[in-house]
Amino acid sequence: FRPENVMGVYLPYMTVDGNVSARLDGVG
């Protein structure tokens, strides 16, 4: 274990804005 071997990396993501409609059916 050598913490100095840590590496900085930029990981790829996409941000998404959503105009969304949803329907949920269940039992309460």
mmCIF file of all heavy atoms, coordinates in Angstrom:
data_MODEL
# 
_entry.id   MODEL 
# 
loop_
_atom_site.group_PDB 
_atom_site.id 
_atom_site.type_symbol 
_atom_site.label_atom_id 
_atom_site.label_alt_id 
_atom_site.label_comp_id 
_atom_site.label_asym_id 
_atom_site.label_entity_id 
_atom_site.label_seq_id 
_atom_site.pdbx_PDB_ins_code 
_atom_site.Cartn_x 
_atom_site.Cartn_y 
_atom_site.Cartn_z 
_atom_site.occupancy 
_atom_site.B_iso_or_equiv 
_atom_site.pdbx_formal_charge 
_atom_site.auth_seq_id 
_atom_site.auth_comp_id 
_atom_site.auth_asym_id 
_atom_site.auth_atom_id 
_atom_site.pdbx_PDB_model_num 
ATOM 1   N N   . PHE A 1 1  ? 0.828   -1.204 0.000   1.00 0.00 ? 1  PHE A N   1 
ATOM 2   C CA  . PHE A 1 1  ? 0.000   0.000  0.000   1.00 0.00 ? 1  PHE A CA  1 
ATOM 3   C C   . PHE A 1 1  ? 0.862   1.254  0.000   1.00 0.00 ? 1  PHE A C   1 
ATOM 4   O O   . PHE A 1 1  ? 1.693   1.466  0.887   1.00 0.00 ? 1  PHE A O   1 
ATOM 5   C CB  . PHE A 1 1  ? -0.935  0.011  1.214   1.00 0.00 ? 1  PHE A CB  1 
ATOM 6   C CG  . PHE A 1 1  ? -1.744  1.270  1.346   1.00 0.00 ? 1  PHE A CG  1 
ATOM 7   C CD1 . PHE A 1 1  ? -2.710  1.585  0.412   1.00 0.00 ? 1  PHE A CD1 1 
ATOM 8   C CD2 . PHE A 1 1  ? -1.530  2.143  2.404   1.00 0.00 ? 1  PHE A CD2 1 
ATOM 9   C CE1 . PHE A 1 1  ? -3.462  2.745  0.521   1.00 0.00 ? 1  PHE A CE1 1 
ATOM 10  C CE2 . PHE A 1 1  ? -2.274  3.308  2.531   1.00 0.00 ? 1  PHE A CE2 1 
ATOM 11  C CZ  . PHE A 1 1  ? -3.237  3.601  1.578   1.00 0.00 ? 1  PHE A CZ  1 
ATOM 12  N N   . ARG A 1 2  ? 0.695   2.079  -1.015  1.00 0.00 ? 2  ARG A N   1 
ATOM 13  C CA  . ARG A 1 2  ? 1.429   3.334  -1.143  1.00 0.00 ? 2  ARG A CA  1 
ATOM 14  C C   . ARG A 1 2  ? 0.432   4.413  -1.581  1.00 0.00 ? 2  ARG A C   1 
ATOM 15  O O   . ARG A 1 2  ? 0.097   4.501  -2.770  1.00 0.00 ? 2  ARG A O   1 
ATOM 16  C CB  . ARG A 1 2  ? 2.546   3.221  -2.189  1.00 0.00 ? 2  ARG A CB  1 
ATOM 17  C CG  . ARG A 1 2  ? 3.605   2.186  -1.880  1.00 0.00 ? 2  ARG A CG  1 
ATOM 18  C CD  . ARG A 1 2  ? 4.495   2.621  -0.708  1.00 0.00 ? 2  ARG A CD  1 
ATOM 19  N NE  . ARG A 1 2  ? 5.566   1.677  -0.481  1.00 0.00 ? 2  ARG A NE  1 
ATOM 20  C CZ  . ARG A 1 2  ? 5.456   0.568  0.245   1.00 0.00 ? 2  ARG A CZ  1 
ATOM 21  N NH1 . ARG A 1 2  ? 4.302   0.279  0.833   1.00 0.00 ? 2  ARG A NH1 1 
ATOM 22  N NH2 . ARG A 1 2  ? 6.486   -0.240 0.418   1.00 0.00 ? 2  ARG A NH2 1 
ATOM 23  N N   . PRO A 1 3  ? -0.062  5.227  -0.659  1.00 0.00 ? 3  PRO A N   1 
ATOM 24  C CA  . PRO A 1 3  ? -1.085  6.219  -1.028  1.00 0.00 ? 3  PRO A CA  1 
ATOM 25  C C   . PRO A 1 3  ? -0.606  7.220  -2.065  1.00 0.00 ? 3  PRO A C   1 
ATOM 26  O O   . PRO A 1 3  ? -1.415  7.822  -2.774  1.00 0.00 ? 3  PRO A O   1 
ATOM 27  C CB  . PRO A 1 3  ? -1.408  6.903  0.310   1.00 0.00 ? 3  PRO A CB  1 
ATOM 28  C CG  . PRO A 1 3  ? -0.234  6.634  1.182   1.00 0.00 ? 3  PRO A CG  1 
ATOM 29  C CD  . PRO A 1 3  ? 0.295   5.307  0.767   1.00 0.00 ? 3  PRO A CD  1 
ATOM 30  N N   . GLU A 1 4  ? 0.728   7.400  -2.193  1.00 0.00 ? 4  GLU A N   1 
ATOM 31  C CA  . GLU A 1 4  ? 1.234   8.343  -3.188  1.00 0.00 ? 4  GLU A CA  1 
ATOM 32  C C   . GLU A 1 4  ? 0.992   7.863  -4.616  1.00 0.00 ? 4  GLU A C   1 
ATOM 33  O O   . GLU A 1 4  ? 1.156   8.627  -5.574  1.00 0.00 ? 4  GLU A O   1 
ATOM 34  C CB  . GLU A 1 4  ? 2.728   8.614  -2.974  1.00 0.00 ? 4  GLU A CB  1 
ATOM 35  C CG  . GLU A 1 4  ? 3.620   7.390  -3.057  1.00 0.00 ? 4  GLU A CG  1 
ATOM 36  C CD  . GLU A 1 4  ? 3.805   6.693  -1.713  1.00 0.00 ? 4  GLU A CD  1 
ATOM 37  O OE1 . GLU A 1 4  ? 2.981   6.929  -0.806  1.00 0.00 ? 4  GLU A OE1 1 
ATOM 38  O OE2 . GLU A 1 4  ? 4.762   5.930  -1.577  1.00 0.00 ? 4  GLU A OE2 1 
ATOM 39  N N   . ASN A 1 5  ? 0.580   6.610  -4.792  1.00 0.00 ? 5  ASN A N   1 
ATOM 40  C CA  . ASN A 1 5  ? 0.272   6.091  -6.128  1.00 0.00 ? 5  ASN A CA  1 
ATOM 41  C C   . ASN A 1 5  ? -1.145  6.452  -6.586  1.00 0.00 ? 5  ASN A C   1 
ATOM 42  O O   . ASN A 1 5  ? -1.587  5.998  -7.639  1.00 0.00 ? 5  ASN A O   1 
ATOM 43  C CB  . ASN A 1 5  ? 0.440   4.573  -6.166  1.00 0.00 ? 5  ASN A CB  1 
ATOM 44  C CG  . ASN A 1 5  ? 1.897   4.158  -6.155  1.00 0.00 ? 5  ASN A CG  1 
ATOM 45  O OD1 . ASN A 1 5  ? 2.773   4.913  -6.566  1.00 0.00 ? 5  ASN A OD1 1 
ATOM 46  N ND2 . ASN A 1 5  ? 2.173   2.958  -5.678  1.00 0.00 ? 5  ASN A ND2 1 
ATOM 47  N N   . VAL A 1 6  ? -1.851  7.248  -5.797  1.00 0.00 ? 6  VAL A N   1 
ATOM 48  C CA  . VAL A 1 6  ? -3.172  7.704  -6.204  1.00 0.00 ? 6  VAL A CA  1 
ATOM 49  C C   . VAL A 1 6  ? -3.046  8.531  -7.484  1.00 0.00 ? 6  VAL A C   1 
ATOM 50  O O   . VAL A 1 6  ? -2.074  9.268  -7.674  1.00 0.00 ? 6  VAL A O   1 
ATOM 51  C CB  . VAL A 1 6  ? -3.834  8.527  -5.077  1.00 0.00 ? 6  VAL A CB  1 
ATOM 52  C CG1 . VAL A 1 6  ? -3.059  9.792  -4.783  1.00 0.00 ? 6  VAL A CG1 1 
ATOM 53  C CG2 . VAL A 1 6  ? -5.272  8.880  -5.434  1.00 0.00 ? 6  VAL A CG2 1 
ATOM 54  N N   . MET A 1 7  ? -4.024  8.394  -8.371  1.00 0.00 ? 7  MET A N   1 
ATOM 55  C CA  . MET A 1 7  ? -4.010  9.122  -9.638  1.00 0.00 ? 7  MET A CA  1 
ATOM 56  C C   . MET A 1 7  ? -5.296  9.922  -9.799  1.00 0.00 ? 7  MET A C   1 
ATOM 57  O O   . MET A 1 7  ? -6.384  9.454  -9.432  1.00 0.00 ? 7  MET A O   1 
ATOM 58  C CB  . MET A 1 7  ? -3.838  8.160  -10.815 1.00 0.00 ? 7  MET A CB  1 
ATOM 59  C CG  . MET A 1 7  ? -2.499  7.449  -10.842 1.00 0.00 ? 7  MET A CG  1 
ATOM 60  S SD  . MET A 1 7  ? -2.255  6.520  -12.373 1.00 0.00 ? 7  MET A SD  1 
ATOM 61  C CE  . MET A 1 7  ? -2.136  7.848  -13.567 1.00 0.00 ? 7  MET A CE  1 
ATOM 62  N N   . GLY A 1 8  ? -5.160  11.122 -10.351 1.00 0.00 ? 8  GLY A N   1 
ATOM 63  C CA  . GLY A 1 8  ? -6.319  11.962 -10.621 1.00 0.00 ? 8  GLY A CA  1 
ATOM 64  C C   . GLY A 1 8  ? -6.869  11.676 -12.008 1.00 0.00 ? 8  GLY A C   1 
ATOM 65  O O   . GLY A 1 8  ? -6.123  11.657 -12.986 1.00 0.00 ? 8  GLY A O   1 
ATOM 66  N N   . VAL A 1 9  ? -8.162  11.448 -12.089 1.00 0.00 ? 9  VAL A N   1 
ATOM 67  C CA  . VAL A 1 9  ? -8.779  11.129 -13.381 1.00 0.00 ? 9  VAL A CA  1 
ATOM 68  C C   . VAL A 1 9  ? -10.117 11.849 -13.486 1.00 0.00 ? 9  VAL A C   1 
ATOM 69  O O   . VAL A 1 9  ? -10.858 11.975 -12.511 1.00 0.00 ? 9  VAL A O   1 
ATOM 70  C CB  . VAL A 1 9  ? -8.978  9.600  -13.542 1.00 0.00 ? 9  VAL A CB  1 
ATOM 71  C CG1 . VAL A 1 9  ? -9.759  9.018  -12.381 1.00 0.00 ? 9  VAL A CG1 1 
ATOM 72  C CG2 . VAL A 1 9  ? -9.691  9.267  -14.847 1.00 0.00 ? 9  VAL A CG2 1 
ATOM 73  N N   . TYR A 1 10 ? -10.399 12.338 -14.674 1.00 0.00 ? 10 TYR A N   1 
ATOM 74  C CA  . TYR A 1 10 ? -11.705 12.902 -14.977 1.00 0.00 ? 10 TYR A CA  1 
ATOM 75  C C   . TYR A 1 10 ? -12.550 11.819 -15.645 1.00 0.00 ? 10 TYR A C   1 
ATOM 76  O O   . TYR A 1 10 ? -12.184 11.304 -16.709 1.00 0.00 ? 10 TYR A O   1 
ATOM 77  C CB  . TYR A 1 10 ? -11.572 14.101 -15.915 1.00 0.00 ? 10 TYR A CB  1 
ATOM 78  C CG  . TYR A 1 10 ? -11.081 15.359 -15.239 1.00 0.00 ? 10 TYR A CG  1 
ATOM 79  C CD1 . TYR A 1 10 ? -9.771  15.811 -15.407 1.00 0.00 ? 10 TYR A CD1 1 
ATOM 80  C CD2 . TYR A 1 10 ? -11.930 16.104 -14.427 1.00 0.00 ? 10 TYR A CD2 1 
ATOM 81  C CE1 . TYR A 1 10 ? -9.324  16.970 -14.791 1.00 0.00 ? 10 TYR A CE1 1 
ATOM 82  C CE2 . TYR A 1 10 ? -11.490 17.270 -13.805 1.00 0.00 ? 10 TYR A CE2 1 
ATOM 83  C CZ  . TYR A 1 10 ? -10.194 17.693 -13.988 1.00 0.00 ? 10 TYR A CZ  1 
ATOM 84  O OH  . TYR A 1 10 ? -9.767  18.830 -13.370 1.00 0.00 ? 10 TYR A OH  1 
ATOM 85  N N   . LEU A 1 11 ? -13.664 11.457 -15.008 1.00 0.00 ? 11 LEU A N   1 
ATOM 86  C CA  . LEU A 1 11 ? -14.531 10.400 -15.526 1.00 0.00 ? 11 LEU A CA  1 
ATOM 87  C C   . LEU A 1 11 ? -15.672 11.002 -16.340 1.00 0.00 ? 11 LEU A C   1 
ATOM 88  O O   . LEU A 1 11 ? -16.205 12.058 -15.995 1.00 0.00 ? 11 LEU A O   1 
ATOM 89  C CB  . LEU A 1 11 ? -15.093 9.571  -14.377 1.00 0.00 ? 11 LEU A CB  1 
ATOM 90  C CG  . LEU A 1 11 ? -14.060 8.790  -13.561 1.00 0.00 ? 11 LEU A CG  1 
ATOM 91  C CD1 . LEU A 1 11 ? -14.750 7.986  -12.458 1.00 0.00 ? 11 LEU A CD1 1 
ATOM 92  C CD2 . LEU A 1 11 ? -13.246 7.861  -14.451 1.00 0.00 ? 11 LEU A CD2 1 
ATOM 93  N N   . PRO A 1 12 ? -16.062 10.328 -17.436 1.00 0.00 ? 12 PRO A N   1 
ATOM 94  C CA  . PRO A 1 12 ? -17.075 10.893 -18.334 1.00 0.00 ? 12 PRO A CA  1 
ATOM 95  C C   . PRO A 1 12 ? -18.503 10.635 -17.859 1.00 0.00 ? 12 PRO A C   1 
ATOM 96  O O   . PRO A 1 12 ? -18.873 9.517  -17.510 1.00 0.00 ? 12 PRO A O   1 
ATOM 97  C CB  . PRO A 1 12 ? -16.807 10.139 -19.647 1.00 0.00 ? 12 PRO A CB  1 
ATOM 98  C CG  . PRO A 1 12 ? -16.303 8.801  -19.197 1.00 0.00 ? 12 PRO A CG  1 
ATOM 99  C CD  . PRO A 1 12 ? -15.524 9.050  -17.935 1.00 0.00 ? 12 PRO A CD  1 
ATOM 100 N N   . TYR A 1 13 ? -19.276 11.676 -17.840 1.00 0.00 ? 13 TYR A N   1 
ATOM 101 C CA  . TYR A 1 13 ? -20.703 11.603 -17.542 1.00 0.00 ? 13 TYR A CA  1 
ATOM 102 C C   . TYR A 1 13 ? -21.446 12.464 -18.555 1.00 0.00 ? 13 TYR A C   1 
ATOM 103 O O   . TYR A 1 13 ? -20.837 13.253 -19.287 1.00 0.00 ? 13 TYR A O   1 
ATOM 104 C CB  . TYR A 1 13 ? -21.003 12.125 -16.139 1.00 0.00 ? 13 TYR A CB  1 
ATOM 105 C CG  . TYR A 1 13 ? -20.613 11.193 -15.025 1.00 0.00 ? 13 TYR A CG  1 
ATOM 106 C CD1 . TYR A 1 13 ? -19.296 11.145 -14.573 1.00 0.00 ? 13 TYR A CD1 1 
ATOM 107 C CD2 . TYR A 1 13 ? -21.550 10.374 -14.411 1.00 0.00 ? 13 TYR A CD2 1 
ATOM 108 C CE1 . TYR A 1 13 ? -18.931 10.288 -13.540 1.00 0.00 ? 13 TYR A CE1 1 
ATOM 109 C CE2 . TYR A 1 13 ? -21.195 9.519  -13.375 1.00 0.00 ? 13 TYR A CE2 1 
ATOM 110 C CZ  . TYR A 1 13 ? -19.882 9.488  -12.948 1.00 0.00 ? 13 TYR A CZ  1 
ATOM 111 O OH  . TYR A 1 13 ? -19.533 8.635  -11.929 1.00 0.00 ? 13 TYR A OH  1 
ATOM 112 N N   . MET A 1 14 ? -22.749 12.287 -18.597 1.00 0.00 ? 14 MET A N   1 
ATOM 113 C CA  . MET A 1 14 ? -23.606 13.247 -19.286 1.00 0.00 ? 14 MET A CA  1 
ATOM 114 C C   . MET A 1 14 ? -24.619 13.773 -18.281 1.00 0.00 ? 14 MET A C   1 
ATOM 115 O O   . MET A 1 14 ? -25.149 13.009 -17.471 1.00 0.00 ? 14 MET A O   1 
ATOM 116 C CB  . MET A 1 14 ? -24.293 12.616 -20.495 1.00 0.00 ? 14 MET A CB  1 
ATOM 117 C CG  . MET A 1 14 ? -23.367 12.475 -21.690 1.00 0.00 ? 14 MET A CG  1 
ATOM 118 S SD  . MET A 1 14 ? -24.211 12.169 -23.263 1.00 0.00 ? 14 MET A SD  1 
ATOM 119 C CE  . MET A 1 14 ? -24.289 10.387 -23.247 1.00 0.00 ? 14 MET A CE  1 
ATOM 120 N N   . THR A 1 15 ? -24.838 15.082 -18.300 1.00 0.00 ? 15 THR A N   1 
ATOM 121 C CA  . THR A 1 15 ? -25.915 15.646 -17.495 1.00 0.00 ? 15 THR A CA  1 
ATOM 122 C C   . THR A 1 15 ? -27.145 15.744 -18.380 1.00 0.00 ? 15 THR A C   1 
ATOM 123 O O   . THR A 1 15 ? -27.048 16.066 -19.572 1.00 0.00 ? 15 THR A O   1 
ATOM 124 C CB  . THR A 1 15 ? -25.559 17.036 -16.945 1.00 0.00 ? 15 THR A CB  1 
ATOM 125 O OG1 . THR A 1 15 ? -25.406 17.963 -18.030 1.00 0.00 ? 15 THR A OG1 1 
ATOM 126 C CG2 . THR A 1 15 ? -24.267 16.990 -16.140 1.00 0.00 ? 15 THR A CG2 1 
ATOM 127 N N   . VAL A 1 16 ? -28.286 15.462 -17.799 1.00 0.00 ? 16 VAL A N   1 
ATOM 128 C CA  . VAL A 1 16 ? -29.523 15.495 -18.570 1.00 0.00 ? 16 VAL A CA  1 
ATOM 129 C C   . VAL A 1 16 ? -30.590 16.224 -17.772 1.00 0.00 ? 16 VAL A C   1 
ATOM 130 O O   . VAL A 1 16 ? -30.777 15.988 -16.581 1.00 0.00 ? 16 VAL A O   1 
ATOM 131 C CB  . VAL A 1 16 ? -29.987 14.064 -18.958 1.00 0.00 ? 16 VAL A CB  1 
ATOM 132 C CG1 . VAL A 1 16 ? -30.145 13.171 -17.740 1.00 0.00 ? 16 VAL A CG1 1 
ATOM 133 C CG2 . VAL A 1 16 ? -31.289 14.110 -19.753 1.00 0.00 ? 16 VAL A CG2 1 
ATOM 134 N N   . ASP A 1 17 ? -31.257 17.163 -18.440 1.00 0.00 ? 17 ASP A N   1 
ATOM 135 C CA  . ASP A 1 17 ? -32.454 17.822 -17.893 1.00 0.00 ? 17 ASP A CA  1 
ATOM 136 C C   . ASP A 1 17 ? -33.655 17.121 -18.514 1.00 0.00 ? 17 ASP A C   1 
ATOM 137 O O   . ASP A 1 17 ? -33.664 16.843 -19.727 1.00 0.00 ? 17 ASP A O   1 
ATOM 138 C CB  . ASP A 1 17 ? -32.481 19.301 -18.254 1.00 0.00 ? 17 ASP A CB  1 
ATOM 139 C CG  . ASP A 1 17 ? -31.245 20.038 -17.759 1.00 0.00 ? 17 ASP A CG  1 
ATOM 140 O OD1 . ASP A 1 17 ? -30.726 19.650 -16.695 1.00 0.00 ? 17 ASP A OD1 1 
ATOM 141 O OD2 . ASP A 1 17 ? -30.802 20.992 -18.428 1.00 0.00 ? 17 ASP A OD2 1 
ATOM 142 N N   . GLY A 1 18 ? -34.665 16.853 -17.715 1.00 0.00 ? 18 GLY A N   1 
ATOM 143 C CA  . GLY A 1 18 ? -35.806 16.112 -18.236 1.00 0.00 ? 18 GLY A CA  1 
ATOM 144 C C   . GLY A 1 18 ? -37.148 16.749 -17.940 1.00 0.00 ? 18 GLY A C   1 
ATOM 145 O O   . GLY A 1 18 ? -37.399 17.179 -16.809 1.00 0.00 ? 18 GLY A O   1 
ATOM 146 N N   . ASN A 1 19 ? -37.993 16.839 -18.959 1.00 0.00 ? 19 ASN A N   1 
ATOM 147 C CA  . ASN A 1 19 ? -39.400 17.190 -18.816 1.00 0.00 ? 19 ASN A CA  1 
ATOM 148 C C   . ASN A 1 19 ? -40.149 15.864 -18.881 1.00 0.00 ? 19 ASN A C   1 
ATOM 149 O O   . ASN A 1 19 ? -40.345 15.296 -19.953 1.00 0.00 ? 19 ASN A O   1 
ATOM 150 C CB  . ASN A 1 19 ? -39.819 18.139 -19.934 1.00 0.00 ? 19 ASN A CB  1 
ATOM 151 C CG  . ASN A 1 19 ? -41.296 18.480 -19.885 1.00 0.00 ? 19 ASN A CG  1 
ATOM 152 O OD1 . ASN A 1 19 ? -41.954 18.322 -18.857 1.00 0.00 ? 19 ASN A OD1 1 
ATOM 153 N ND2 . ASN A 1 19 ? -41.842 18.938 -21.006 1.00 0.00 ? 19 ASN A ND2 1 
ATOM 154 N N   . VAL A 1 20 ? -40.543 15.344 -17.710 1.00 0.00 ? 20 VAL A N   1 
ATOM 155 C CA  . VAL A 1 20 ? -40.923 13.936 -17.578 1.00 0.00 ? 20 VAL A CA  1 
ATOM 156 C C   . VAL A 1 20 ? -42.325 13.797 -16.998 1.00 0.00 ? 20 VAL A C   1 
ATOM 157 O O   . VAL A 1 20 ? -42.718 14.549 -16.096 1.00 0.00 ? 20 VAL A O   1 
ATOM 158 C CB  . VAL A 1 20 ? -39.900 13.203 -16.663 1.00 0.00 ? 20 VAL A CB  1 
ATOM 159 C CG1 . VAL A 1 20 ? -40.322 11.762 -16.402 1.00 0.00 ? 20 VAL A CG1 1 
ATOM 160 C CG2 . VAL A 1 20 ? -38.516 13.240 -17.281 1.00 0.00 ? 20 VAL A CG2 1 
ATOM 161 N N   . SER A 1 21 ? -43.072 12.822 -17.499 1.00 0.00 ? 21 SER A N   1 
ATOM 162 C CA  . SER A 1 21 ? -44.347 12.416 -16.908 1.00 0.00 ? 21 SER A CA  1 
ATOM 163 C C   . SER A 1 21 ? -44.236 10.955 -16.484 1.00 0.00 ? 21 SER A C   1 
ATOM 164 O O   . SER A 1 21 ? -43.644 10.138 -17.194 1.00 0.00 ? 21 SER A O   1 
ATOM 165 C CB  . SER A 1 21 ? -45.494 12.574 -17.910 1.00 0.00 ? 21 SER A CB  1 
ATOM 166 O OG  . SER A 1 21 ? -45.641 13.932 -18.297 1.00 0.00 ? 21 SER A OG  1 
ATOM 167 N N   . ALA A 1 22 ? -44.801 10.629 -15.331 1.00 0.00 ? 22 ALA A N   1 
ATOM 168 C CA  . ALA A 1 22 ? -44.702 9.253  -14.823 1.00 0.00 ? 22 ALA A CA  1 
ATOM 169 C C   . ALA A 1 22 ? -46.047 8.817  -14.257 1.00 0.00 ? 22 ALA A C   1 
ATOM 170 O O   . ALA A 1 22 ? -46.837 9.633  -13.759 1.00 0.00 ? 22 ALA A O   1 
ATOM 171 C CB  . ALA A 1 22 ? -43.621 9.151  -13.754 1.00 0.00 ? 22 ALA A CB  1 
ATOM 172 N N   . ARG A 1 23 ? -46.290 7.501  -14.348 1.00 0.00 ? 23 ARG A N   1 
ATOM 173 C CA  . ARG A 1 23 ? -47.473 6.907  -13.721 1.00 0.00 ? 23 ARG A CA  1 
ATOM 174 C C   . ARG A 1 23 ? -47.020 5.717  -12.883 1.00 0.00 ? 23 ARG A C   1 
ATOM 175 O O   . ARG A 1 23 ? -46.276 4.854  -13.368 1.00 0.00 ? 23 ARG A O   1 
ATOM 176 C CB  . ARG A 1 23 ? -48.487 6.447  -14.771 1.00 0.00 ? 23 ARG A CB  1 
ATOM 177 C CG  . ARG A 1 23 ? -49.636 5.638  -14.164 1.00 0.00 ? 23 ARG A CG  1 
ATOM 178 C CD  . ARG A 1 23 ? -50.729 5.312  -15.147 1.00 0.00 ? 23 ARG A CD  1 
ATOM 179 N NE  . ARG A 1 23 ? -51.728 4.424  -14.548 1.00 0.00 ? 23 ARG A NE  1 
ATOM 180 C CZ  . ARG A 1 23 ? -52.945 4.201  -15.034 1.00 0.00 ? 23 ARG A CZ  1 
ATOM 181 N NH1 . ARG A 1 23 ? -53.308 4.818  -16.159 1.00 0.00 ? 23 ARG A NH1 1 
ATOM 182 N NH2 . ARG A 1 23 ? -53.773 3.393  -14.428 1.00 0.00 ? 23 ARG A NH2 1 
ATOM 183 N N   . LEU A 1 24 ? -47.472 5.693  -11.627 1.00 0.00 ? 24 LEU A N   1 
ATOM 184 C CA  . LEU A 1 24 ? -47.146 4.604  -10.711 1.00 0.00 ? 24 LEU A CA  1 
ATOM 185 C C   . LEU A 1 24 ? -48.427 3.941  -10.247 1.00 0.00 ? 24 LEU A C   1 
ATOM 186 O O   . LEU A 1 24 ? -49.352 4.628  -9.788  1.00 0.00 ? 24 LEU A O   1 
ATOM 187 C CB  . LEU A 1 24 ? -46.363 5.126  -9.496  1.00 0.00 ? 24 LEU A CB  1 
ATOM 188 C CG  . LEU A 1 24 ? -45.108 5.957  -9.769  1.00 0.00 ? 24 LEU A CG  1 
ATOM 189 C CD1 . LEU A 1 24 ? -44.535 6.481  -8.466  1.00 0.00 ? 24 LEU A CD1 1 
ATOM 190 C CD2 . LEU A 1 24 ? -44.075 5.134  -10.520 1.00 0.00 ? 24 LEU A CD2 1 
ATOM 191 N N   . ASP A 1 25 ? -48.514 2.619  -10.368 1.00 0.00 ? 25 ASP A N   1 
ATOM 192 C CA  . ASP A 1 25 ? -49.673 1.853  -9.904  1.00 0.00 ? 25 ASP A CA  1 
ATOM 193 C C   . ASP A 1 25 ? -49.202 0.805  -8.905  1.00 0.00 ? 25 ASP A C   1 
ATOM 194 O O   . ASP A 1 25 ? -48.212 0.100  -9.138  1.00 0.00 ? 25 ASP A O   1 
ATOM 195 C CB  . ASP A 1 25 ? -50.370 1.154  -11.076 1.00 0.00 ? 25 ASP A CB  1 
ATOM 196 C CG  . ASP A 1 25 ? -50.994 2.138  -12.050 1.00 0.00 ? 25 ASP A CG  1 
ATOM 197 O OD1 . ASP A 1 25 ? -52.062 2.672  -11.727 1.00 0.00 ? 25 ASP A OD1 1 
ATOM 198 O OD2 . ASP A 1 25 ? -50.392 2.377  -13.115 1.00 0.00 ? 25 ASP A OD2 1 
ATOM 199 N N   . GLY A 1 26 ? -49.932 0.709  -7.796  1.00 0.00 ? 26 GLY A N   1 
ATOM 200 C CA  . GLY A 1 26 ? -49.529 -0.265 -6.795  1.00 0.00 ? 26 GLY A CA  1 
ATOM 201 C C   . GLY A 1 26 ? -50.618 -0.536 -5.785  1.00 0.00 ? 26 GLY A C   1 
ATOM 202 O O   . GLY A 1 26 ? -51.789 -0.207 -5.983  1.00 0.00 ? 26 GLY A O   1 
ATOM 203 N N   . VAL A 1 27 ? -50.202 -1.121 -4.658  1.00 0.00 ? 27 VAL A N   1 
ATOM 204 C CA  . VAL A 1 27 ? -51.113 -1.498 -3.585  1.00 0.00 ? 27 VAL A CA  1 
ATOM 205 C C   . VAL A 1 27 ? -50.605 -0.898 -2.286  1.00 0.00 ? 27 VAL A C   1 
ATOM 206 O O   . VAL A 1 27 ? -49.427 -1.029 -1.942  1.00 0.00 ? 27 VAL A O   1 
ATOM 207 C CB  . VAL A 1 27 ? -51.203 -3.030 -3.452  1.00 0.00 ? 27 VAL A CB  1 
ATOM 208 C CG1 . VAL A 1 27 ? -52.061 -3.412 -2.252  1.00 0.00 ? 27 VAL A CG1 1 
ATOM 209 C CG2 . VAL A 1 27 ? -51.756 -3.645 -4.723  1.00 0.00 ? 27 VAL A CG2 1 
ATOM 210 N N   . GLY A 1 28 ? -51.495 -0.198 -1.553  1.00 0.00 ? 28 GLY A N   1 
ATOM 211 C CA  . GLY A 1 28 ? -51.153 0.377  -0.258  1.00 0.00 ? 28 GLY A CA  1 
ATOM 212 C C   . GLY A 1 28 ? -51.964 -0.271 0.848   1.00 0.00 ? 28 GLY A C   1 
ATOM 213 O O   . GLY A 1 28 ? -53.101 -0.709 0.632   1.00 0.00 ? 28 GLY A O   1 
# 
